[in-house]
C-alpha atoms as a PDB file:
ATOM      1  CA  MET A   1      61.718 -16.072  -4.629  1.00  0.00           C
ATOM      2  CA  LYS A   2      59.121 -18.839  -4.686  1.00  0.00           C
ATOM      3  CA  ALA A   3      57.527 -17.421  -1.562  1.00  0.00           C
ATOM      4  CA  LEU A   4      57.318 -13.961  -3.158  1.00  0.00           C
ATOM      5  CA  ILE A   5      55.685 -15.389  -6.277  1.00  0.00           C
ATOM      6  CA  LEU A   6      53.104 -17.267  -4.164  1.00  0.00           C
ATOM      7  CA  ALA A   7      52.367 -14.141  -2.140  1.00  0.00           C
ATOM      8  CA  ALA A   8      51.863 -12.058  -5.289  1.00  0.00           C
ATOM      9  CA  PHE A   9      49.584 -14.762  -6.734  1.00  0.00           C
ATOM     10  CA  ALA A  10      47.554 -14.810  -3.530  1.00  0.00           C
ATOM     11  CA  LEU A  11      47.122 -11.034  -3.660  1.00  0.00           C
ATOM     12  CA  LEU A  12      45.994 -11.281  -7.280  1.00  0.00           C
ATOM     13  CA  LEU A  13      43.399 -13.885  -6.402  1.00  0.00           C
ATOM     14  CA  ALA A  14      42.186 -11.796  -3.489  1.00  0.00           C
ATOM     15  CA  GLY A  15      41.740  -8.811  -5.789  1.00  0.00           C
ATOM     16  CA  CYS A  16      39.732 -10.903  -8.252  1.00  0.00           C
ATOM     17  CA  ALA A  17      37.535 -12.312  -5.493  1.00  0.00           C
ATOM     18  CA  SER A  18      36.599  -8.861  -4.211  1.00  0.00           C
ATOM     19  CA  GLY A  19      35.284  -7.751  -7.602  1.00  0.00           C
ATOM     20  CA  PRO A  20      36.200  -4.782  -9.787  1.00  0.00           C
ATOM     21  CA  ARG A  21      37.646  -1.592  -8.394  1.00  0.00           C
ATOM     22  CA  ILE A  22      34.941   1.104  -8.549  1.00  0.00           C
ATOM     23  CA  ASP A  23      35.459   4.836  -8.184  1.00  0.00           C
ATOM     24  CA  THR A  24      32.685   6.202  -5.942  1.00  0.00           C
ATOM     25  CA  ARG A  25      33.760   9.835  -5.784  1.00  0.00           C
ATOM     26  CA  TYR A  26      30.865  11.065  -7.943  1.00  0.00           C
ATOM     27  CA  THR A  27      27.117  10.851  -7.246  1.00  0.00           C
ATOM     28  CA  SER A  28      24.340  11.636  -9.704  1.00  0.00           C
ATOM     29  CA  LEU A  29      21.499  13.928  -8.645  1.00  0.00           C
ATOM     30  CA  GLY A  30      19.143  12.062 -10.998  1.00  0.00           C
ATOM     31  CA  GLN A  31      17.917   9.366  -8.621  1.00  0.00           C
ATOM     32  CA  ASP A  32      15.327   8.493  -6.021  1.00  0.00           C
ATOM     33  CA  SER A  33      14.349   5.538  -3.874  1.00  0.00           C
ATOM     34  CA  ARG A  34      13.462   2.190  -5.381  1.00  0.00           C
ATOM     35  CA  ALA A  35      10.470   2.206  -3.023  1.00  0.00           C
ATOM     36  CA  GLN A  36       7.729   4.484  -4.347  1.00  0.00           C
ATOM     37  CA  PHE A  37       4.790   2.971  -2.464  1.00  0.00           C
ATOM     38  CA  ILE A  38       3.973   1.311   0.841  1.00  0.00           C
ATOM     39  CA  VAL A  39       1.305  -1.384   0.629  1.00  0.00           C
ATOM     40  CA  LEU A  40      -0.720  -2.346   3.718  1.00  0.00           C
ATOM     41  CA  HIS A  41      -2.175  -5.829   4.219  1.00  0.00           C
ATOM     42  CA  TYR A  42      -3.788  -7.976   6.863  1.00  0.00           C
ATOM     43  CA  THR A  43      -2.601 -11.548   7.346  1.00  0.00           C
ATOM     44  CA  SER A  44      -5.980 -13.339   7.775  1.00  0.00           C
ATOM     45  CA  SER A  45      -4.375 -15.398  10.560  1.00  0.00           C
ATOM     46  CA  ASP A  46      -2.781 -15.194  14.004  1.00  0.00           C
ATOM     47  CA  LEU A  47       0.842 -14.298  14.717  1.00  0.00           C
ATOM     48  CA  SER A  48       2.325 -17.788  14.711  1.00  0.00           C
ATOM     49  CA  ARG A  49       0.643 -18.747  11.447  1.00  0.00           C
ATOM     50  CA  SER A  50       1.524 -15.372   9.908  1.00  0.00           C
ATOM     51  CA  LEU A  51       5.204 -15.834  10.754  1.00  0.00           C
ATOM     52  CA  GLU A  52       5.158 -19.388   9.461  1.00  0.00           C
ATOM     53  CA  ILE A  53       3.793 -18.252   6.094  1.00  0.00           C
ATOM     54  CA  LEU A  54       5.852 -15.098   5.693  1.00  0.00           C
ATOM     55  CA  LYS A  55       9.145 -16.782   6.609  1.00  0.00           C
ATOM     56  CA  GLY A  56       8.666 -19.349   3.852  1.00  0.00           C
ATOM     57  CA  ASP A  57       9.685 -19.244   0.200  1.00  0.00           C
ATOM     58  CA  GLY A  58       6.316 -18.098  -1.133  1.00  0.00           C
ATOM     59  CA  VAL A  59       4.523 -14.906  -0.101  1.00  0.00           C
ATOM     60  CA  SER A  60       6.599 -12.455   1.946  1.00  0.00           C
ATOM     61  CA  SER A  61       6.597  -8.877   3.204  1.00  0.00           C
ATOM     62  CA  HIS A  62       9.174  -6.443   4.477  1.00  0.00           C
ATOM     63  CA  TYR A  63       7.471  -6.017   7.851  1.00  0.00           C
ATOM     64  CA  LEU A  64       4.960  -7.798  10.030  1.00  0.00           C
ATOM     65  CA  ILE A  65       3.280  -6.075  12.994  1.00  0.00           C
ATOM     66  CA  GLY A  66       1.771  -8.157  15.786  1.00  0.00           C
ATOM     67  CA  GLU A  67      -1.434  -7.342  17.664  1.00  0.00           C
ATOM     68  CA  ALA A  68      -0.559  -7.335  21.357  1.00  0.00           C
ATOM     69  CA  PRO A  69       2.241  -6.735  21.919  1.00  0.00           C
ATOM     70  CA  ALA A  70       2.561  -4.796  18.679  1.00  0.00           C
ATOM     71  CA  THR A  71       6.026  -6.092  17.862  1.00  0.00           C
ATOM     72  CA  ILE A  72       7.450  -4.994  14.516  1.00  0.00           C
ATOM     73  CA  TYR A  73       9.256  -7.815  12.714  1.00  0.00           C
ATOM     74  CA  ARG A  74      11.493  -7.085   9.731  1.00  0.00           C
ATOM     75  CA  LEU A  75      11.405 -10.080   7.430  1.00  0.00           C
ATOM     76  CA  VAL A  76      12.886  -8.667   4.208  1.00  0.00           C
ATOM     77  CA  ASP A  77      15.451  -5.898   3.871  1.00  0.00           C
ATOM     78  CA  GLU A  78      13.970  -2.786   2.270  1.00  0.00           C
ATOM     79  CA  ASP A  79      16.614  -2.908  -0.467  1.00  0.00           C
ATOM     80  CA  ARG A  80      15.257  -6.263  -1.594  1.00  0.00           C
ATOM     81  CA  ARG A  81      11.966  -7.190  -3.233  1.00  0.00           C
ATOM     82  CA  ALA A  82       9.301  -8.917  -1.142  1.00  0.00           C
ATOM     83  CA  TRP A  83       6.468 -10.911  -2.699  1.00  0.00           C
ATOM     84  CA  HIS A  84       3.374  -9.277  -1.261  1.00  0.00           C
ATOM     85  CA  ALA A  85       1.555  -7.331  -3.979  1.00  0.00           C
ATOM     86  CA  GLY A  86       1.081  -9.855  -6.788  1.00  0.00           C
ATOM     87  CA  GLU A  87      -0.704  -8.675  -9.911  1.00  0.00           C
ATOM     88  CA  SER A  88      -1.288  -5.018  -9.110  1.00  0.00           C
ATOM     89  CA  GLN A  89      -1.404  -1.498 -10.492  1.00  0.00           C
ATOM     90  CA  TRP A  90      -1.360   2.027  -9.053  1.00  0.00           C
ATOM     91  CA  ASN A  91      -0.847   5.337 -10.843  1.00  0.00           C
ATOM     92  CA  GLY A  92       0.036   3.458 -14.000  1.00  0.00           C
ATOM     93  CA  ARG A  93       2.750   1.336 -12.377  1.00  0.00           C
ATOM     94  CA  THR A  94       2.215  -2.411 -12.563  1.00  0.00           C
ATOM     95  CA  TRP A  95       3.442  -5.407 -10.538  1.00  0.00           C
ATOM     96  CA  LEU A  96       4.287  -3.283  -7.519  1.00  0.00           C
ATOM     97  CA  ASN A  97       6.503  -5.804  -5.739  1.00  0.00           C
ATOM     98  CA  SER A  98       9.486  -4.141  -7.387  1.00  0.00           C
ATOM     99  CA  SER A  99       8.570  -0.601  -6.343  1.00  0.00           C
ATOM    100  CA  SER A 100       6.958  -0.973  -2.935  1.00  0.00           C
ATOM    101  CA  ILE A 101       7.481  -1.880   0.693  1.00  0.00           C
ATOM    102  CA  GLY A 102       4.950  -4.350   2.066  1.00  0.00           C
ATOM    103  CA  ILE A 103       3.634  -4.229   5.625  1.00  0.00           C
ATOM    104  CA  GLU A 104       1.456  -7.029   6.988  1.00  0.00           C
ATOM    105  CA  LEU A 105      -0.654  -6.506  10.101  1.00  0.00           C
ATOM    106  CA  VAL A 106      -1.707  -9.522  12.136  1.00  0.00           C
ATOM    107  CA  ASN A 107      -5.483  -9.471  11.767  1.00  0.00           C
ATOM    108  CA  ARG A 108      -7.915 -12.262  10.936  1.00  0.00           C
ATOM    109  CA  GLY A 109      -9.754 -10.148   8.384  1.00  0.00           C
ATOM    110  CA  TYR A 110     -13.348 -11.384   8.569  1.00  0.00           C
ATOM    111  CA  ILE A 111     -15.592 -14.361   9.185  1.00  0.00           C
ATOM    112  CA  GLU A 112     -18.807 -15.225   7.347  1.00  0.00           C
ATOM    113  CA  ASP A 113     -22.055 -16.052   9.127  1.00  0.00           C
ATOM    114  CA  GLU A 114     -25.783 -15.569   8.555  1.00  0.00           C
ATOM    115  CA  ARG A 115     -25.330 -11.816   9.035  1.00  0.00           C
ATOM    116  CA  GLY A 116     -22.688 -11.623   6.311  1.00  0.00           C
ATOM    117  CA  ARG A 117     -19.066 -10.644   6.813  1.00  0.00           C
ATOM    118  CA  LEU A 118     -17.987  -9.734  10.330  1.00  0.00           C
ATOM    119  CA  TRP A 119     -14.689  -7.839  10.289  1.00  0.00           C
ATOM    120  CA  TYR A 120     -12.009  -7.972  12.968  1.00  0.00           C
ATOM    121  CA  PRO A 121     -10.835  -4.620  14.405  1.00  0.00           C
ATOM    122  CA  TYR A 122      -7.206  -3.532  14.754  1.00  0.00           C
ATOM    123  CA  SER A 123      -5.670  -2.922  18.165  1.00  0.00           C
ATOM    124  CA  GLU A 124      -4.765   0.621  19.168  1.00  0.00           C
ATOM    125  CA  GLN A 125      -1.148  -0.263  19.912  1.00  0.00           C
ATOM    126  CA  GLN A 126      -0.836  -2.000  16.550  1.00  0.00           C
ATOM    127  CA  ILE A 127      -1.881   1.156  14.699  1.00  0.00           C
ATOM    128  CA  ASP A 128       0.375   3.272  16.934  1.00  0.00           C
ATOM    129  CA  ALA A 129       3.322   1.056  15.989  1.00  0.00           C
ATOM    130  CA  LEU A 130       2.344   1.196  12.312  1.00  0.00           C
ATOM    131  CA  ILE A 131       2.270   5.000  12.310  1.00  0.00           C
ATOM    132  CA  VAL A 132       5.754   5.200  13.833  1.00  0.00           C
ATOM    133  CA  LEU A 133       7.056   2.727  11.246  1.00  0.00           C
ATOM    134  CA  LEU A 134       5.377   4.538   8.348  1.00  0.00           C
ATOM    135  CA  LYS A 135       6.812   7.899   9.365  1.00  0.00           C
ATOM    136  CA  ASP A 136      10.290   6.392   9.527  1.00  0.00           C
ATOM    137  CA  ILE A 137      10.009   4.684   6.131  1.00  0.00           C
ATOM    138  CA  MET A 138       8.569   7.749   4.419  1.00  0.00           C
ATOM    139  CA  GLN A 139      11.258  10.033   5.833  1.00  0.00           C
ATOM    140  CA  ARG A 140      14.097   7.725   4.788  1.00  0.00           C
ATOM    141  CA  HIS A 141      12.745   7.155   1.280  1.00  0.00           C
ATOM    142  CA  GLY A 142      11.537  10.693   0.650  1.00  0.00           C
ATOM    143  CA  LEU A 143       7.911   9.624   0.141  1.00  0.00           C
ATOM    144  CA  LYS A 144       4.927  11.967   0.271  1.00  0.00           C
ATOM    145  CA  PRO A 145       1.300  11.478   1.375  1.00  0.00           C
ATOM    146  CA  GLY A 146      -0.342   9.377  -1.299  1.00  0.00           C
ATOM    147  CA  ALA A 147       2.420   6.777  -1.313  1.00  0.00           C
ATOM    148  CA  ILE A 148       0.595   4.588   1.231  1.00  0.00           C
ATOM    149  CA  VAL A 149      -2.057   2.320  -0.289  1.00  0.00           C
ATOM    150  CA  GLY A 150      -4.026  -0.759   0.681  1.00  0.00           C
ATOM    151  CA  HIS A 151      -3.850  -4.087  -1.085  1.00  0.00           C
ATOM    152  CA  SER A 152      -7.476  -3.473  -2.064  1.00  0.00           C
ATOM    153  CA  ASP A 153      -6.424  -0.231  -3.801  1.00  0.00           C
ATOM    154  CA  ILE A 154      -3.826  -1.855  -6.029  1.00  0.00           C
ATOM    155  CA  ALA A 155      -5.722  -5.110  -6.656  1.00  0.00           C
ATOM    156  CA  PRO A 156      -9.456  -4.271  -6.232  1.00  0.00           C
ATOM    157  CA  GLN A 157     -10.643  -7.187  -8.350  1.00  0.00           C
ATOM    158  CA  ARG A 158      -9.245  -9.811  -5.982  1.00  0.00           C
ATOM    159  CA  LYS A 159      -8.286  -8.257  -2.606  1.00  0.00           C
ATOM    160  CA  VAL A 160     -10.149  -6.499   0.228  1.00  0.00           C
ATOM    161  CA  ASP A 161      -7.376  -6.002   2.794  1.00  0.00           C
ATOM    162  CA  PRO A 162      -6.734  -4.100   4.998  1.00  0.00           C
ATOM    163  CA  GLY A 163     -10.555  -3.995   5.169  1.00  0.00           C
ATOM    164  CA  PRO A 164     -13.220  -1.477   6.227  1.00  0.00           C
ATOM    165  CA  LEU A 165     -12.126  -1.373   9.889  1.00  0.00           C
ATOM    166  CA  PHE A 166      -8.630  -0.206   9.060  1.00  0.00           C
ATOM    167  CA  PRO A 167      -8.405   3.385  10.424  1.00  0.00           C
ATOM    168  CA  TRP A 168      -7.243   5.344   7.386  1.00  0.00           C
ATOM    169  CA  LYS A 169      -8.410   8.579   9.034  1.00  0.00           C
ATOM    170  CA  ARG A 170      -5.859   8.062  11.834  1.00  0.00           C
ATOM    171  CA  LEU A 171      -3.130   7.880   9.229  1.00  0.00           C
ATOM    172  CA  ALA A 172      -4.494  11.047   7.639  1.00  0.00           C
ATOM    173  CA  ASP A 173      -4.487  12.830  11.011  1.00  0.00           C
ATOM    174  CA  ALA A 174      -0.828  11.818  11.367  1.00  0.00           C
ATOM    175  CA  GLY A 175      -0.058  13.472   8.012  1.00  0.00           C
ATOM    176  CA  LEU A 176       0.570  10.185   6.207  1.00  0.00           C
ATOM    177  CA  VAL A 177      -2.280  10.033   3.684  1.00  0.00           C
ATOM    178  CA  ARG A 178      -4.383  12.579   1.844  1.00  0.00           C
ATOM    179  CA  TRP A 179      -7.906  13.101   3.145  1.00  0.00           C
ATOM    180  CA  PRO A 180     -10.855  15.076   1.737  1.00  0.00           C
ATOM    181  CA  ASP A 181     -11.909  18.244   3.530  1.00  0.00           C
ATOM    182  CA  ALA A 182     -15.204  17.572   5.334  1.00  0.00           C
ATOM    183  CA  THR A 183     -16.662  20.984   4.426  1.00  0.00           C
ATOM    184  CA  ALA A 184     -15.852  20.467   0.756  1.00  0.00           C
ATOM    185  CA  VAL A 185     -17.432  17.004   0.841  1.00  0.00           C
ATOM    186  CA  ALA A 186     -20.661  18.343   2.370  1.00  0.00           C
ATOM    187  CA  ARG A 187     -20.864  21.137  -0.194  1.00  0.00           C
ATOM    188  CA  GLN A 188     -20.220  18.810  -3.122  1.00  0.00           C
ATOM    189  CA  ARG A 189     -22.672  16.210  -1.811  1.00  0.00           C
ATOM    190  CA  SER A 190     -25.530  18.702  -1.866  1.00  0.00           C
ATOM    191  CA  LEU A 191     -24.709  19.498  -5.492  1.00  0.00           C
ATOM    192  CA  PHE A 192     -24.378  15.880  -6.591  1.00  0.00           C
ATOM    193  CA  ALA A 193     -27.656  15.021  -4.837  1.00  0.00           C
ATOM    194  CA  LEU A 194     -29.359  17.183  -7.469  1.00  0.00           C
ATOM    195  CA  ALA A 195     -27.502  15.734 -10.449  1.00  0.00           C
ATOM    196  CA  LEU A 196     -25.257  12.692 -10.198  1.00  0.00           C
ATOM    197  CA  PRO A 197     -22.360  12.465 -12.682  1.00  0.00           C
ATOM    198  CA  ASP A 198     -22.391   9.638 -15.195  1.00  0.00           C
ATOM    199  CA  VAL A 199     -20.326   6.468 -14.839  1.00  0.00           C
ATOM    200  CA  ALA A 200     -17.615   7.803 -17.144  1.00  0.00           C
ATOM    201  CA  TRP A 201     -17.025  10.672 -14.695  1.00  0.00           C
ATOM    202  CA  PHE A 202     -16.609   8.249 -11.784  1.00  0.00           C
ATOM    203  CA  GLN A 203     -14.182   6.149 -13.813  1.00  0.00           C
ATOM    204  CA  ALA A 204     -12.108   9.180 -14.808  1.00  0.00           C
ATOM    205  CA  GLN A 205     -11.932  10.428 -11.216  1.00  0.00           C
ATOM    206  CA  LEU A 206     -10.894   7.016  -9.910  1.00  0.00           C
ATOM    207  CA  VAL A 207      -8.125   6.841 -12.503  1.00  0.00           C
ATOM    208  CA  ARG A 208      -7.022  10.285 -11.332  1.00  0.00           C
ATOM    209  CA  GLN A 209      -6.730   8.922  -7.784  1.00  0.00           C
ATOM    210  CA  GLY A 210      -4.495   6.079  -9.008  1.00  0.00           C
ATOM    211  CA  TYR A 211      -6.889   3.170  -9.485  1.00  0.00           C
ATOM    212  CA  LYS A 212      -6.937   0.857 -12.467  1.00  0.00           C
ATOM    213  CA  VAL A 213     -10.501   1.018 -13.747  1.00  0.00           C
ATOM    214  CA  PRO A 214     -12.175   0.723 -17.174  1.00  0.00           C
ATOM    215  CA  GLU A 215     -13.018   4.001 -18.893  1.00  0.00           C
ATOM    216  CA  HIS A 216     -15.840   2.812 -21.124  1.00  0.00           C
ATOM    217  CA  GLY A 217     -18.715   4.512 -19.283  1.00  0.00           C
ATOM    218  CA  HIS A 218     -20.458   1.283 -18.226  1.00  0.00           C
ATOM    219  CA  LEU A 219     -21.141   0.229 -14.645  1.00  0.00           C
ATOM    220  CA  ASP A 220     -19.730  -3.281 -14.937  1.00  0.00           C
ATOM    221  CA  LEU A 221     -18.520  -5.552 -12.138  1.00  0.00           C
ATOM    222  CA  GLU A 222     -14.912  -4.385 -12.517  1.00  0.00           C
ATOM    223  CA  THR A 223     -15.936  -0.751 -12.065  1.00  0.00           C
ATOM    224  CA  ARG A 224     -18.123  -1.624  -9.072  1.00  0.00           C
ATOM    225  CA  ASN A 225     -15.208  -3.404  -7.421  1.00  0.00           C
ATOM    226  CA  VAL A 226     -13.014  -0.325  -7.792  1.00  0.00           C
ATOM    227  CA  ILE A 227     -15.733   1.968  -6.432  1.00  0.00           C
ATOM    228  CA  ALA A 228     -16.175  -0.413  -3.487  1.00  0.00           C
ATOM    229  CA  ALA A 229     -12.421  -0.345  -2.784  1.00  0.00           C
ATOM    230  CA  PHE A 230     -12.486   3.460  -2.797  1.00  0.00           C
ATOM    231  CA  GLN A 231     -15.535   3.556  -0.527  1.00  0.00           C
ATOM    232  CA  MET A 232     -13.966   1.057   1.876  1.00  0.00           C
ATOM    233  CA  LYS A 233     -11.113   3.494   2.347  1.00  0.00           C
ATOM    234  CA  TYR A 234     -12.953   6.817   2.568  1.00  0.00           C
ATOM    235  CA  ARG A 235     -16.521   5.784   3.509  1.00  0.00           C
ATOM    236  CA  PRO A 236     -16.300   2.409   5.237  1.00  0.00           C
ATOM    237  CA  ALA A 237     -19.843   2.597   6.622  1.00  0.00           C
ATOM    238  CA  ARG A 238     -21.117   1.509   3.190  1.00  0.00           C
ATOM    239  CA  PHE A 239     -18.982   0.059   0.415  1.00  0.00           C
ATOM    240  CA  ASP A 240     -21.504  -1.447  -1.975  1.00  0.00           C
ATOM    241  CA  GLY A 241     -19.841  -0.217  -5.179  1.00  0.00           C
ATOM    242  CA  GLU A 242     -22.775   2.056  -5.970  1.00  0.00           C
ATOM    243  CA  PRO A 243     -21.810   5.398  -7.579  1.00  0.00           C
ATOM    244  CA  ASP A 244     -23.805   7.696  -5.300  1.00  0.00           C
ATOM    245  CA  ALA A 245     -23.686  11.398  -4.377  1.00  0.00           C
ATOM    246  CA  GLU A 246     -21.461  10.979  -1.317  1.00  0.00           C
ATOM    247  CA  THR A 247     -18.876   8.948  -3.227  1.00  0.00           C
ATOM    248  CA  ALA A 248     -18.882  11.572  -5.982  1.00  0.00           C
ATOM    249  CA  ALA A 249     -18.452  14.302  -3.366  1.00  0.00           C
ATOM    250  CA  ILE A 250     -15.424  12.566  -1.808  1.00  0.00           C
ATOM    251  CA  LEU A 251     -13.836  12.120  -5.231  1.00  0.00           C
ATOM    252  CA  ALA A 252     -14.437  15.761  -6.099  1.00  0.00           C
ATOM    253  CA  ALA A 253     -13.065  16.967  -2.763  1.00  0.00           C
ATOM    254  CA  LEU A 254      -9.919  14.864  -3.172  1.00  0.00           C
ATOM    255  CA  ALA A 255      -9.436  16.325  -6.643  1.00  0.00           C
ATOM    256  CA  MET A 256      -9.296  19.764  -5.022  1.00  0.00           C
ATOM    257  CA  GLU A 257      -6.468  18.760  -2.698  1.00  0.00           C
ATOM    258  CA  PRO A 258      -2.980  19.885  -3.759  1.00  0.00           C
END
């Protein structure tokens, strides 16, 4: 009898340790992935230093992609939050760590010399590996083009990564990001060369694209930084933050995209 009582008590404890019994027969249709965005970064350091930093208890990311070989390292499970975005905003969402997947690419970023900033390029195999990873993540999480952003997009007042040499057009050609139609840009540029929209128009269009930008109609430093972040992505040959005809044309062409 004593043995039976001890066995029953052990079973009771085991049941308590495993948590409550949950009926999983029903599934709600009203749901989607926790991950709504994918944020791209560069590490500003080499592979060994990047791993040392990202394995620690401070900044982290879900994935790290080396240069050569372009090994993909998973450092944080996608179901968990990584600390890569910091203070950030995109499409009205703030503090994107909780709603994004972070991908760091091993790249030194830039160096400063008498000529200004000299940016480091990305390796071909690194971008090839990134595209494969992005397609897999987007398919599994049901994400659409527009979900992939740079750190400079979501934090334009303090970040410039992945930088002007990151090949956004390659991602667009792979169907991963939206890209303005070249014919539409040329047509709009000729129109805006005759009459450039005011600053308030630029601010409204940038908000429409997802950026956090003032809407007071003044060309302040904050607005210039957002324009520069946009230019770095779509017109990396010149990203001076100046609201010119070509920038207006790209914004207008993107607004025409479905």
